[in-house]
């Protein structure tokens, strides 16, 4: 009798609760994955719209814009700057600028100056210590 009552409790209470928790976990994981894809698509579309505006400027004016503000002012580029960080690196009037868009929600923003592979002093130190 005690065993039967425990089985009834298991079947009536614990099993449905466990199934509900598993279903809830799967739902949360699916929503998280969809949100990540949506954010990546937004970054891609923002970068592509900036790139198209720069190419349009080059086609119409014969030079690439020297800064991102020029694109915003003259070519109606309006990215959501609260959601995205835009890096627009101008090199020369006849070279396509480097355009990078990152999520403003990213925990850390990579700084190219902090890359140890680019530091010749650290490279020489690490080469000397391996001998």
Protein backbone atom coordinates (compact mmCIF):
# COMPACT_ATOMS: atom_id res chain seq x y z
CA UNK A 1 0.00 0.00 0.00
CA UNK A 2 2.81 2.39 0.84
CA UNK A 3 4.47 1.62 -2.48
CA UNK A 4 1.21 2.21 -4.37
CA UNK A 5 0.69 5.59 -2.70
CA UNK A 6 4.25 6.64 -3.58
CA UNK A 7 3.72 5.60 -7.20
CA UNK A 8 0.48 7.58 -7.29
CA UNK A 9 2.28 10.66 -5.95
CA UNK A 10 5.02 10.18 -8.51
CA UNK A 11 2.60 9.79 -11.41
CA UNK A 12 0.23 12.56 -10.33
CA UNK A 13 2.66 15.20 -9.06
CA UNK A 14 6.34 14.69 -9.78
CA UNK A 15 6.15 13.39 -13.36
CA UNK A 16 3.93 16.23 -14.69
CA UNK A 17 6.08 18.78 -12.84
CA UNK A 18 9.26 17.34 -14.37
CA UNK A 19 7.72 17.33 -17.86
CA UNK A 20 6.61 20.93 -17.41
CA UNK A 21 10.12 22.00 -16.33
CA UNK A 22 11.68 20.23 -19.33
CA UNK A 23 9.20 21.89 -21.70
CA UNK A 24 9.89 25.28 -20.09
CA UNK A 25 13.65 24.80 -20.46
CA UNK A 26 13.28 23.89 -24.16
CA UNK A 27 11.09 26.96 -24.72
CA UNK A 28 13.61 29.28 -23.06
CA UNK A 29 16.48 27.81 -25.11
CA UNK A 30 14.51 28.21 -28.36
CA UNK A 31 13.65 31.84 -27.60
CA UNK A 32 17.28 32.57 -26.71
CA UNK A 33 18.52 31.07 -29.97
CA UNK A 34 15.98 33.03 -32.02
CA UNK A 35 16.94 36.27 -30.25
CA UNK A 36 20.63 35.65 -31.01
CA UNK A 37 19.90 35.09 -34.69
CA UNK A 38 17.75 38.20 -34.80
CA UNK A 39 20.55 40.31 -33.28
CA UNK A 40 23.11 38.94 -35.74
CA UNK A 41 20.78 39.71 -38.65
CA UNK A 42 20.31 43.26 -37.38
CA UNK A 43 24.07 43.76 -37.19
CA UNK A 44 24.49 42.41 -40.72
CA UNK A 45 21.72 44.61 -42.16
CA UNK A 46 23.07 47.71 -40.42
CA UNK A 47 26.58 47.10 -41.73
CA UNK A 48 25.24 46.44 -45.23
CA UNK A 49 23.18 49.65 -45.28
CA UNK A 50 26.21 51.72 -44.24
CA UNK A 51 28.34 50.02 -46.89
CA UNK A 52 25.72 50.68 -49.60
CA UNK A 53 25.50 54.34 -48.63
CA UNK A 54 29.30 54.66 -48.83
CA UNK A 55 29.32 53.06 -52.29
CA UNK A 56 26.47 55.33 -53.39
CA UNK A 57 28.44 58.34 -52.19
CA UNK A 58 31.47 57.14 -54.16
CA UNK A 59 29.35 56.64 -57.28
CA UNK A 60 27.76 60.09 -57.05
CA UNK A 61 30.62 62.20 -55.70
CA UNK A 62 33.72 60.28 -56.79
CA UNK A 63 35.09 59.89 -53.23
CA UNK A 64 34.23 57.83 -50.20
CA UNK A 65 32.96 59.89 -47.27
CA UNK A 66 35.66 60.77 -44.76
CA UNK A 67 33.47 60.09 -41.74
CA UNK A 68 30.26 58.38 -40.73
CA UNK A 69 28.57 61.68 -39.83
CA UNK A 70 28.67 62.67 -43.51
CA UNK A 71 26.75 59.52 -44.43
CA UNK A 72 24.16 60.22 -41.75
CA UNK A 73 23.73 63.81 -42.88
CA UNK A 74 23.69 63.40 -46.68
CA UNK A 75 22.60 59.81 -47.32
CA UNK A 76 19.93 59.26 -44.64
CA UNK A 77 21.72 56.42 -42.88
CA UNK A 78 19.96 56.07 -39.52
CA UNK A 79 21.19 53.04 -37.57
CA UNK A 80 19.98 52.56 -34.01
CA UNK A 81 23.13 53.75 -32.25
CA UNK A 82 21.74 52.65 -28.88
CA UNK A 83 21.83 49.04 -30.14
CA UNK A 84 24.96 49.12 -32.30
CA UNK A 85 28.50 50.45 -32.09
CA UNK A 86 29.74 51.53 -35.50
CA UNK A 87 33.42 51.66 -36.41
CA UNK A 88 34.00 53.59 -39.64
CA UNK A 89 37.68 53.72 -40.57
CA UNK A 90 38.53 56.03 -43.45
CA UNK A 91 41.78 55.35 -45.30
CA UNK A 92 41.70 57.41 -48.50
CA UNK A 93 39.15 59.01 -50.79
CA UNK A 94 39.49 56.22 -53.36
CA UNK A 95 39.58 53.25 -50.93
CA UNK A 96 36.50 51.66 -49.42
CA UNK A 97 36.41 52.49 -45.70
CA UNK A 98 36.49 49.66 -43.19
CA UNK A 99 33.04 49.34 -41.64
CA UNK A 100 32.43 47.25 -38.54
CA UNK A 101 29.20 47.05 -36.58
CA UNK A 102 29.08 45.49 -33.12
CA UNK A 103 26.27 44.98 -30.67
CA UNK A 104 26.19 47.61 -27.93
CA UNK A 105 25.08 44.84 -25.57
CA UNK A 106 28.39 42.97 -25.97
CA UNK A 107 30.11 42.42 -22.64
CA UNK A 108 33.55 43.32 -23.93
CA UNK A 109 34.62 45.23 -26.99
CA UNK A 110 37.86 43.98 -28.51
CA UNK A 111 40.58 46.60 -28.68
CA UNK A 112 43.10 45.94 -31.46
CA UNK A 113 45.75 47.81 -29.45
CA UNK A 114 45.56 45.11 -26.76
CA UNK A 115 46.43 42.28 -29.16
CA UNK A 116 49.76 40.82 -27.95
CA UNK A 117 50.48 39.42 -31.42
CA UNK A 118 50.86 42.99 -32.70
CA UNK A 119 53.34 44.03 -29.97
CA UNK A 120 56.92 43.43 -31.16
CA UNK A 121 58.34 43.87 -27.63
CA UNK A 122 56.18 41.07 -26.23
CA UNK A 123 56.92 38.87 -29.25
CA UNK A 124 60.68 39.30 -28.65
CA UNK A 125 60.28 38.55 -24.92
CA UNK A 126 58.26 35.40 -25.56
CA UNK A 127 60.78 34.24 -28.20
CA UNK A 128 63.66 34.77 -25.77
CA UNK A 129 61.96 32.92 -22.92
CA UNK A 130 61.31 29.80 -25.02
CA UNK A 131 65.04 29.16 -25.54
